[in-house]
């Protein structure tokens, strides 16, 4: 990821999230839900991905809570705006 808060393409964001699965690096995401609500996931671990469905599964390392997010609904990753 770039060091400043420059926009990144969705494909680059997906590749970064894939790397985070292997490295166990914590990420911060801002996403939309299917209902149009904004969700912030700060310090969550990327657990897995489903390429065909375009989703990533996140887990909160403190509570164990899991969430599945759609890649196209991610609009910020670690402070970087994400564009299609």
PDB file of N, CA and C in Angstrom:
ATOM      1  N   UNK A   1       0.846  -1.185   0.000  1.00  0.00           N
ATOM      2  CA  UNK A   1       0.000   0.000   0.000  1.00  0.00           C
ATOM      3  C   UNK A   1       0.888   1.243   0.000  1.00  0.00           C
ATOM      4  N   UNK A   2       0.452   2.288  -0.701  1.00  0.00           N
ATOM      5  CA  UNK A   2       1.203   3.546  -0.668  1.00  0.00           C
ATOM      6  C   UNK A   2       1.238   4.105   0.756  1.00  0.00           C
ATOM      7  N   UNK A   3       2.261   4.914   1.051  1.00  0.00           N
ATOM      8  CA  UNK A   3       2.407   5.431   2.404  1.00  0.00           C
ATOM      9  C   UNK A   3       1.496   6.606   2.693  1.00  0.00           C
ATOM     10  N   UNK A   4       1.172   7.437   1.683  1.00  0.00           N
ATOM     11  CA  UNK A   4       0.234   8.528   1.931  1.00  0.00           C
ATOM     12  C   UNK A   4      -1.181   8.028   1.645  1.00  0.00           C
ATOM     13  N   UNK A   5      -2.157   8.876   1.752  1.00  0.00           N
ATOM     14  CA  UNK A   5      -3.546   8.440   1.602  1.00  0.00           C
ATOM     15  C   UNK A   5      -4.052   8.619   0.176  1.00  0.00           C
ATOM     16  N   UNK A   6      -3.265   8.145  -0.788  1.00  0.00           N
ATOM     17  CA  UNK A   6      -3.668   8.215  -2.184  1.00  0.00           C
ATOM     18  C   UNK A   6      -4.706   7.129  -2.469  1.00  0.00           C
ATOM     19  N   UNK A   7      -5.613   7.375  -3.406  1.00  0.00           N
ATOM     20  CA  UNK A   7      -6.609   6.358  -3.757  1.00  0.00           C
ATOM     21  C   UNK A   7      -5.953   5.113  -4.343  1.00  0.00           C
ATOM     22  N   UNK A   8      -6.563   3.963  -4.100  1.00  0.00           N
ATOM     23  CA  UNK A   8      -6.084   2.700  -4.649  1.00  0.00           C
ATOM     24  C   UNK A   8      -7.237   2.024  -5.398  1.00  0.00           C
ATOM     25  N   UNK A   9      -6.892   1.292  -6.431  1.00  0.00           N
ATOM     26  CA  UNK A   9      -7.887   0.553  -7.202  1.00  0.00           C
ATOM     27  C   UNK A   9      -8.393  -0.641  -6.389  1.00  0.00           C
ATOM     28  N   UNK A  10      -9.618  -1.026  -6.645  1.00  0.00           N
ATOM     29  CA  UNK A  10     -10.202  -2.163  -5.941  1.00  0.00           C
ATOM     30  C   UNK A  10      -9.346  -3.411  -6.105  1.00  0.00           C
ATOM     31  N   UNK A  11      -8.830  -3.644  -7.290  1.00  0.00           N
ATOM     32  CA  UNK A  11      -7.999  -4.827  -7.533  1.00  0.00           C
ATOM     33  C   UNK A  11      -6.757  -4.815  -6.639  1.00  0.00           C
ATOM     34  N   UNK A  12      -6.124  -3.642  -6.481  1.00  0.00           N
ATOM     35  CA  UNK A  12      -4.956  -3.536  -5.602  1.00  0.00           C
ATOM     36  C   UNK A  12      -5.352  -3.755  -4.146  1.00  0.00           C
ATOM     37  N   UNK A  13      -6.509  -3.255  -3.771  1.00  0.00           N
ATOM     38  CA  UNK A  13      -6.998  -3.466  -2.401  1.00  0.00           C
ATOM     39  C   UNK A  13      -7.241  -4.950  -2.154  1.00  0.00           C
ATOM     40  N   UNK A  14      -7.814  -5.647  -3.146  1.00  0.00           N
ATOM     41  CA  UNK A  14      -8.046  -7.085  -3.011  1.00  0.00           C
ATOM     42  C   UNK A  14      -6.736  -7.842  -2.860  1.00  0.00           C
ATOM     43  N   UNK A  15      -5.741  -7.478  -3.659  1.00  0.00           N
ATOM     44  CA  UNK A  15      -4.435  -8.132  -3.557  1.00  0.00           C
ATOM     45  C   UNK A  15      -3.808  -7.899  -2.188  1.00  0.00           C
ATOM     46  N   UNK A  16      -3.939  -6.669  -1.671  1.00  0.00           N
ATOM     47  CA  UNK A  16      -3.410  -6.364  -0.346  1.00  0.00           C
ATOM     48  C   UNK A  16      -4.115  -7.196   0.721  1.00  0.00           C
ATOM     49  N   UNK A  17      -5.443  -7.326   0.624  1.00  0.00           N
ATOM     50  CA  UNK A  17      -6.184  -8.131   1.594  1.00  0.00           C
ATOM     51  C   UNK A  17      -5.760  -9.595   1.526  1.00  0.00           C
ATOM     52  N   UNK A  18      -5.451 -10.083   0.326  1.00  0.00           N
ATOM     53  CA  UNK A  18      -4.955 -11.453   0.181  1.00  0.00           C
ATOM     54  C   UNK A  18      -3.618 -11.623   0.900  1.00  0.00           C
ATOM     55  N   UNK A  19      -2.742 -10.631   0.778  1.00  0.00           N
ATOM     56  CA  UNK A  19      -1.453 -10.674   1.479  1.00  0.00           C
ATOM     57  C   UNK A  19      -1.667 -10.671   2.988  1.00  0.00           C
ATOM     58  N   UNK A  20      -2.672  -9.941   3.449  1.00  0.00           N
ATOM     59  CA  UNK A  20      -2.948  -9.852   4.884  1.00  0.00           C
ATOM     60  C   UNK A  20      -3.435 -11.178   5.458  1.00  0.00           C
ATOM     61  N   UNK A  21      -4.061 -12.009   4.616  1.00  0.00           N
ATOM     62  CA  UNK A  21      -4.467 -13.338   5.080  1.00  0.00           C
ATOM     63  C   UNK A  21      -3.231 -14.122   5.490  1.00  0.00           C
ATOM     64  N   UNK A  22      -2.190 -14.053   4.669  1.00  0.00           N
ATOM     65  CA  UNK A  22      -0.958 -14.803   4.933  1.00  0.00           C
ATOM     66  C   UNK A  22      -0.142 -14.191   6.070  1.00  0.00           C
ATOM     67  N   UNK A  23      -0.066 -12.859   6.111  1.00  0.00           N
ATOM     68  CA  UNK A  23       0.798 -12.190   7.093  1.00  0.00           C
ATOM     69  C   UNK A  23       0.110 -11.915   8.430  1.00  0.00           C
ATOM     70  N   UNK A  24      -1.212 -12.103   8.489  1.00  0.00           N
ATOM     71  CA  UNK A  24      -2.001 -11.836   9.698  1.00  0.00           C
ATOM     72  C   UNK A  24      -1.952 -10.367  10.113  1.00  0.00           C
ATOM     73  N   UNK A  25      -1.681  -9.491   9.143  1.00  0.00           N
ATOM     74  CA  UNK A  25      -1.661  -8.055   9.411  1.00  0.00           C
ATOM     75  C   UNK A  25      -3.082  -7.567   9.664  1.00  0.00           C
ATOM     76  N   UNK A  26      -3.250  -6.717  10.670  1.00  0.00           N
ATOM     77  CA  UNK A  26      -4.561  -6.145  10.969  1.00  0.00           C
ATOM     78  C   UNK A  26      -4.841  -4.999  10.013  1.00  0.00           C
ATOM     79  N   UNK A  27      -6.110  -4.850   9.624  1.00  0.00           N
ATOM     80  CA  UNK A  27      -6.500  -3.819   8.679  1.00  0.00           C
ATOM     81  C   UNK A  27      -7.635  -2.984   9.263  1.00  0.00           C
ATOM     82  N   UNK A  28      -7.837  -1.827   8.660  1.00  0.00           N
ATOM     83  CA  UNK A  28      -8.978  -0.975   8.971  1.00  0.00           C
ATOM     84  C   UNK A  28      -9.744  -0.752   7.675  1.00  0.00           C
ATOM     85  N   UNK A  29     -11.026  -1.069   7.708  1.00  0.00           N
ATOM     86  CA  UNK A  29     -11.874  -0.945   6.527  1.00  0.00           C
ATOM     87  C   UNK A  29     -13.081  -0.073   6.847  1.00  0.00           C
ATOM     88  N   UNK A  30     -13.542   0.654   5.848  1.00  0.00           N
ATOM     89  CA  UNK A  30     -14.837   1.322   5.908  1.00  0.00           C
ATOM     90  C   UNK A  30     -15.632   0.757   4.752  1.00  0.00           C
ATOM     91  N   UNK A  31     -16.803   0.182   5.056  1.00  0.00           N
ATOM     92  CA  UNK A  31     -17.621  -0.472   4.044  1.00  0.00           C
ATOM     93  C   UNK A  31     -19.075  -0.045   4.172  1.00  0.00           C
ATOM     94  N   UNK A  32     -19.835  -0.382   3.160  1.00  0.00           N
ATOM     95  CA  UNK A  32     -21.286  -0.234   3.203  1.00  0.00           C
ATOM     96  C   UNK A  32     -21.895  -1.614   3.395  1.00  0.00           C
ATOM     97  N   UNK A  33     -23.010  -1.670   4.114  1.00  0.00           N
ATOM     98  CA  UNK A  33     -23.755  -2.914   4.212  1.00  0.00           C
ATOM     99  C   UNK A  33     -24.740  -2.972   3.053  1.00  0.00           C
ATOM    100  N   UNK A  34     -25.393  -4.089   2.890  1.00  0.00           N
ATOM    101  CA  UNK A  34     -26.406  -4.226   1.842  1.00  0.00           C
ATOM    102  C   UNK A  34     -27.563  -3.254   2.079  1.00  0.00           C
ATOM    103  N   UNK A  35     -27.762  -2.851   3.336  1.00  0.00           N
ATOM    104  CA  UNK A  35     -28.828  -1.908   3.684  1.00  0.00           C
ATOM    105  C   UNK A  35     -28.389  -0.454   3.537  1.00  0.00           C
ATOM    106  N   UNK A  36     -27.132  -0.235   3.153  1.00  0.00           N
ATOM    107  CA  UNK A  36     -26.631   1.122   2.948  1.00  0.00           C
ATOM    108  C   UNK A  36     -26.039   1.785   4.179  1.00  0.00           C
ATOM    109  N   UNK A  37     -25.817   1.029   5.242  1.00  0.00           N
ATOM    110  CA  UNK A  37     -25.208   1.567   6.460  1.00  0.00           C
ATOM    111  C   UNK A  37     -23.690   1.524   6.346  1.00  0.00           C
ATOM    112  N   UNK A  38     -23.033   2.523   6.907  1.00  0.00           N
ATOM    113  CA  UNK A  38     -21.566   2.559   6.925  1.00  0.00           C
ATOM    114  C   UNK A  38     -21.077   1.767   8.123  1.00  0.00           C
ATOM    115  N   UNK A  39     -20.125   0.872   7.893  1.00  0.00           N
ATOM    116  CA  UNK A  39     -19.502   0.065   8.959  1.00  0.00           C
ATOM    117  C   UNK A  39     -18.002   0.326   8.952  1.00  0.00           C
ATOM    118  N   UNK A  40     -17.438   0.490  10.128  1.00  0.00           N
ATOM    119  CA  UNK A  40     -16.000   0.678  10.290  1.00  0.00           C
ATOM    120  C   UNK A  40     -15.444  -0.524  11.048  1.00  0.00           C
ATOM    121  N   UNK A  41     -14.430  -1.115  10.459  1.00  0.00           N
ATOM    122  CA  UNK A  41     -13.741  -2.252  11.069  1.00  0.00           C
ATOM    123  C   UNK A  41     -12.298  -1.820  11.300  1.00  0.00           C
ATOM    124  N   UNK A  42     -11.970  -1.469  12.522  1.00  0.00           N
ATOM    125  CA  UNK A  42     -10.638  -0.959  12.862  1.00  0.00           C
ATOM    126  C   UNK A  42      -9.880  -2.051  13.603  1.00  0.00           C
ATOM    127  N   UNK A  43      -8.727  -2.445  13.045  1.00  0.00           N
ATOM    128  CA  UNK A  43      -7.895  -3.458  13.687  1.00  0.00           C
ATOM    129  C   UNK A  43      -8.443  -4.864  13.571  1.00  0.00           C
ATOM    130  N   UNK A  44      -9.042  -5.195  12.452  1.00  0.00           N
ATOM    131  CA  UNK A  44      -9.579  -6.534  12.228  1.00  0.00           C
ATOM    132  C   UNK A  44      -8.602  -7.344  11.388  1.00  0.00           C
ATOM    133  N   UNK A  45      -8.650  -8.653  11.544  1.00  0.00           N
ATOM    134  CA  UNK A  45      -7.785  -9.564  10.796  1.00  0.00           C
ATOM    135  C   UNK A  45      -8.576 -10.139   9.622  1.00  0.00           C
ATOM    136  N   UNK A  46      -7.924 -10.249   8.471  1.00  0.00           N
ATOM    137  CA  UNK A  46      -8.557 -10.860   7.296  1.00  0.00           C
ATOM    138  C   UNK A  46      -8.389 -12.368   7.432  1.00  0.00           C
ATOM    139  N   UNK A  47      -9.493 -13.058   7.515  1.00  0.00           N
ATOM    140  CA  UNK A  47      -9.466 -14.495   7.770  1.00  0.00           C
ATOM    141  C   UNK A  47      -9.429 -15.304   6.468  1.00  0.00           C
ATOM    142  N   UNK A  48     -10.258 -14.921   5.504  1.00  0.00           N
ATOM    143  CA  UNK A  48     -10.322 -15.673   4.249  1.00  0.00           C
ATOM    144  C   UNK A  48     -10.982 -14.821   3.178  1.00  0.00           C
ATOM    145  N   UNK A  49     -10.989 -15.374   1.957  1.00  0.00           N
ATOM    146  CA  UNK A  49     -11.650 -14.678   0.849  1.00  0.00           C
ATOM    147  C   UNK A  49     -12.363 -15.689  -0.028  1.00  0.00           C
ATOM    148  N   UNK A  50     -13.313 -15.191  -0.790  1.00  0.00           N
ATOM    149  CA  UNK A  50     -14.008 -15.997  -1.775  1.00  0.00           C
ATOM    150  C   UNK A  50     -13.991 -15.195  -3.056  1.00  0.00           C
ATOM    151  N   UNK A  51     -13.086 -15.571  -3.965  1.00  0.00           N
ATOM    152  CA  UNK A  51     -12.871 -14.821  -5.203  1.00  0.00           C
ATOM    153  C   UNK A  51     -14.135 -14.756  -6.056  1.00  0.00           C
ATOM    154  N   UNK A  52     -14.802 -15.887  -6.233  1.00  0.00           N
ATOM    155  CA  UNK A  52     -15.988 -15.938  -7.093  1.00  0.00           C
ATOM    156  C   UNK A  52     -17.128 -15.088  -6.537  1.00  0.00           C
ATOM    157  N   UNK A  53     -17.255 -15.025  -5.239  1.00  0.00           N
ATOM    158  CA  UNK A  53     -18.308 -14.228  -4.619  1.00  0.00           C
ATOM    159  C   UNK A  53     -17.900 -12.799  -4.349  1.00  0.00           C
ATOM    160  N   UNK A  54     -16.592 -12.515  -4.478  1.00  0.00           N
ATOM    161  CA  UNK A  54     -16.107 -11.166  -4.243  1.00  0.00           C
ATOM    162  C   UNK A  54     -16.246 -10.717  -2.801  1.00  0.00           C
ATOM    163  N   UNK A  55     -15.919 -11.605  -1.859  1.00  0.00           N
ATOM    164  CA  UNK A  55     -16.048 -11.267  -0.444  1.00  0.00           C
ATOM    165  C   UNK A  55     -14.769 -11.605   0.324  1.00  0.00           C
ATOM    166  N   UNK A  56     -14.622 -10.959   1.461  1.00  0.00           N
ATOM    167  CA  UNK A  56     -13.567 -11.278   2.418  1.00  0.00           C
ATOM    168  C   UNK A  56     -14.206 -11.441   3.794  1.00  0.00           C
ATOM    169  N   UNK A  57     -13.706 -12.390   4.549  1.00  0.00           N
ATOM    170  CA  UNK A  57     -14.186 -12.608   5.901  1.00  0.00           C
ATOM    171  C   UNK A  57     -13.185 -11.999   6.871  1.00  0.00           C
ATOM    172  N   UNK A  58     -13.695 -11.175   7.782  1.00  0.00           N
ATOM    173  CA  UNK A  58     -12.874 -10.508   8.790  1.00  0.00           C
ATOM    174  C   UNK A  58     -13.200 -11.078  10.157  1.00  0.00           C
ATOM    175  N   UNK A  59     -12.221 -11.030  11.049  1.00  0.00           N
ATOM    176  CA  UNK A  59     -12.452 -11.445  12.429  1.00  0.00           C
ATOM    177  C   UNK A  59     -11.850 -10.389  13.351  1.00  0.00           C
ATOM    178  N   UNK A  60     -12.607 -10.061  14.387  1.00  0.00           N
ATOM    179  CA  UNK A  60     -12.119  -9.141  15.400  1.00  0.00           C
ATOM    180  C   UNK A  60     -11.235  -9.955  16.344  1.00  0.00           C
ATOM    181  N   UNK A  61      -9.932  -9.649  16.441  1.00  0.00           N
ATOM    182  CA  UNK A  61      -9.042 -10.474  17.255  1.00  0.00           C
ATOM    183  C   UNK A  61      -9.345 -10.411  18.753  1.00  0.00           C
ATOM    184  N   UNK A  62     -10.025  -9.382  19.200  1.00  0.00           N
ATOM    185  CA  UNK A  62     -10.333  -9.256  20.629  1.00  0.00           C
ATOM    186  C   UNK A  62     -11.589 -10.037  21.018  1.00  0.00           C
ATOM    187  N   UNK A  63     -12.630  -9.966  20.198  1.00  0.00           N
ATOM    188  CA  UNK A  63     -13.897 -10.593  20.570  1.00  0.00           C
ATOM    189  C   UNK A  63     -14.176 -11.896  19.825  1.00  0.00           C
ATOM    190  N   UNK A  64     -13.469 -12.127  18.703  1.00  0.00           N
ATOM    191  CA  UNK A  64     -13.728 -13.317  17.905  1.00  0.00           C
ATOM    192  C   UNK A  64     -14.913 -13.154  16.956  1.00  0.00           C
ATOM    193  N   UNK A  65     -15.515 -11.982  16.938  1.00  0.00           N
ATOM    194  CA  UNK A  65     -16.649 -11.698  16.072  1.00  0.00           C
ATOM    195  C   UNK A  65     -16.226 -11.754  14.603  1.00  0.00           C
ATOM    196  N   UNK A  66     -17.031 -12.387  13.751  1.00  0.00           N
ATOM    197  CA  UNK A  66     -16.712 -12.510  12.331  1.00  0.00           C
ATOM    198  C   UNK A  66     -17.712 -11.717  11.500  1.00  0.00           C
ATOM    199  N   UNK A  67     -17.210 -11.134  10.403  1.00  0.00           N
ATOM    200  CA  UNK A  67     -18.042 -10.395   9.459  1.00  0.00           C
ATOM    201  C   UNK A  67     -17.568 -10.701   8.047  1.00  0.00           C
ATOM    202  N   UNK A  68     -18.512 -10.813   7.132  1.00  0.00           N
ATOM    203  CA  UNK A  68     -18.192 -11.004   5.713  1.00  0.00           C
ATOM    204  C   UNK A  68     -18.526  -9.687   5.017  1.00  0.00           C
ATOM    205  N   UNK A  69     -17.561  -9.162   4.247  1.00  0.00           N
ATOM    206  CA  UNK A  69     -17.773  -7.906   3.531  1.00  0.00           C
ATOM    207  C   UNK A  69     -17.631  -8.149   2.032  1.00  0.00           C
ATOM    208  N   UNK A  70     -18.461  -7.477   1.265  1.00  0.00           N
ATOM    209  CA  UNK A  70     -18.363  -7.542  -0.195  1.00  0.00           C
ATOM    210  C   UNK A  70     -17.290  -6.570  -0.639  1.00  0.00           C
ATOM    211  N   UNK A  71     -16.408  -7.038  -1.500  1.00  0.00           N
ATOM    212  CA  UNK A  71     -15.280  -6.222  -1.946  1.00  0.00           C
ATOM    213  C   UNK A  71     -15.729  -4.926  -2.614  1.00  0.00           C
ATOM    214  N   UNK A  72     -16.773  -4.972  -3.434  1.00  0.00           N
ATOM    215  CA  UNK A  72     -17.205  -3.770  -4.154  1.00  0.00           C
ATOM    216  C   UNK A  72     -17.820  -2.727  -3.231  1.00  0.00           C
ATOM    217  N   UNK A  73     -18.112  -3.095  -1.981  1.00  0.00           N
ATOM    218  CA  UNK A  73     -18.678  -2.149  -1.025  1.00  0.00           C
ATOM    219  C   UNK A  73     -17.625  -1.560  -0.092  1.00  0.00           C
ATOM    220  N   UNK A  74     -16.350  -1.905  -0.306  1.00  0.00           N
ATOM    221  CA  UNK A  74     -15.255  -1.314   0.465  1.00  0.00           C
ATOM    222  C   UNK A  74     -14.921   0.029  -0.166  1.00  0.00           C
ATOM    223  N   UNK A  75     -14.973   1.101   0.630  1.00  0.00           N
ATOM    224  CA  UNK A  75     -14.580   2.380   0.047  1.00  0.00           C
ATOM    225  C   UNK A  75     -13.415   3.038   0.770  1.00  0.00           C
ATOM    226  N   UNK A  76     -12.868   2.369   1.781  1.00  0.00           N
ATOM    227  CA  UNK A  76     -11.637   2.858   2.406  1.00  0.00           C
ATOM    228  C   UNK A  76     -10.897   1.682   3.024  1.00  0.00           C
ATOM    229  N   UNK A  77      -9.577   1.627   2.787  1.00  0.00           N
ATOM    230  CA  UNK A  77      -8.727   0.569   3.327  1.00  0.00           C
ATOM    231  C   UNK A  77      -7.506   1.214   3.928  1.00  0.00           C
ATOM    232  N   UNK A  78      -7.339   1.075   5.227  1.00  0.00           N
ATOM    233  CA  UNK A  78      -6.203   1.667   5.960  1.00  0.00           C
ATOM    234  C   UNK A  78      -6.037   3.157   5.634  1.00  0.00           C
ATOM    235  N   UNK A  79      -7.147   3.865   5.542  1.00  0.00           N
ATOM    236  CA  UNK A  79      -7.112   5.292   5.283  1.00  0.00           C
ATOM    237  C   UNK A  79      -7.042   5.681   3.822  1.00  0.00           C
ATOM    238  N   UNK A  80      -6.914   4.720   2.923  1.00  0.00           N
ATOM    239  CA  UNK A  80      -6.819   4.983   1.483  1.00  0.00           C
ATOM    240  C   UNK A  80      -8.198   4.819   0.852  1.00  0.00           C
ATOM    241  N   UNK A  81      -8.679   5.824   0.129  1.00  0.00           N
ATOM    242  CA  UNK A  81      -9.946   5.633  -0.606  1.00  0.00           C
ATOM    243  C   UNK A  81      -9.775   4.542  -1.660  1.00  0.00           C
ATOM    244  N   UNK A  82     -10.804   3.718  -1.820  1.00  0.00           N
ATOM    245  CA  UNK A  82     -10.774   2.626  -2.791  1.00  0.00           C
ATOM    246  C   UNK A  82     -11.749   2.962  -3.914  1.00  0.00           C
ATOM    247  N   UNK A  83     -11.267   2.840  -5.155  1.00  0.00           N
ATOM    248  CA  UNK A  83     -12.137   3.106  -6.301  1.00  0.00           C
ATOM    249  C   UNK A  83     -12.223   1.888  -7.202  1.00  0.00           C
ATOM    250  N   UNK A  84     -13.320   1.814  -7.941  1.00  0.00           N
ATOM    251  CA  UNK A  84     -13.532   0.680  -8.852  1.00  0.00           C
ATOM    252  C   UNK A  84     -12.687   0.859 -10.033  1.00  0.00           C
TER     253      UNK A  84
END
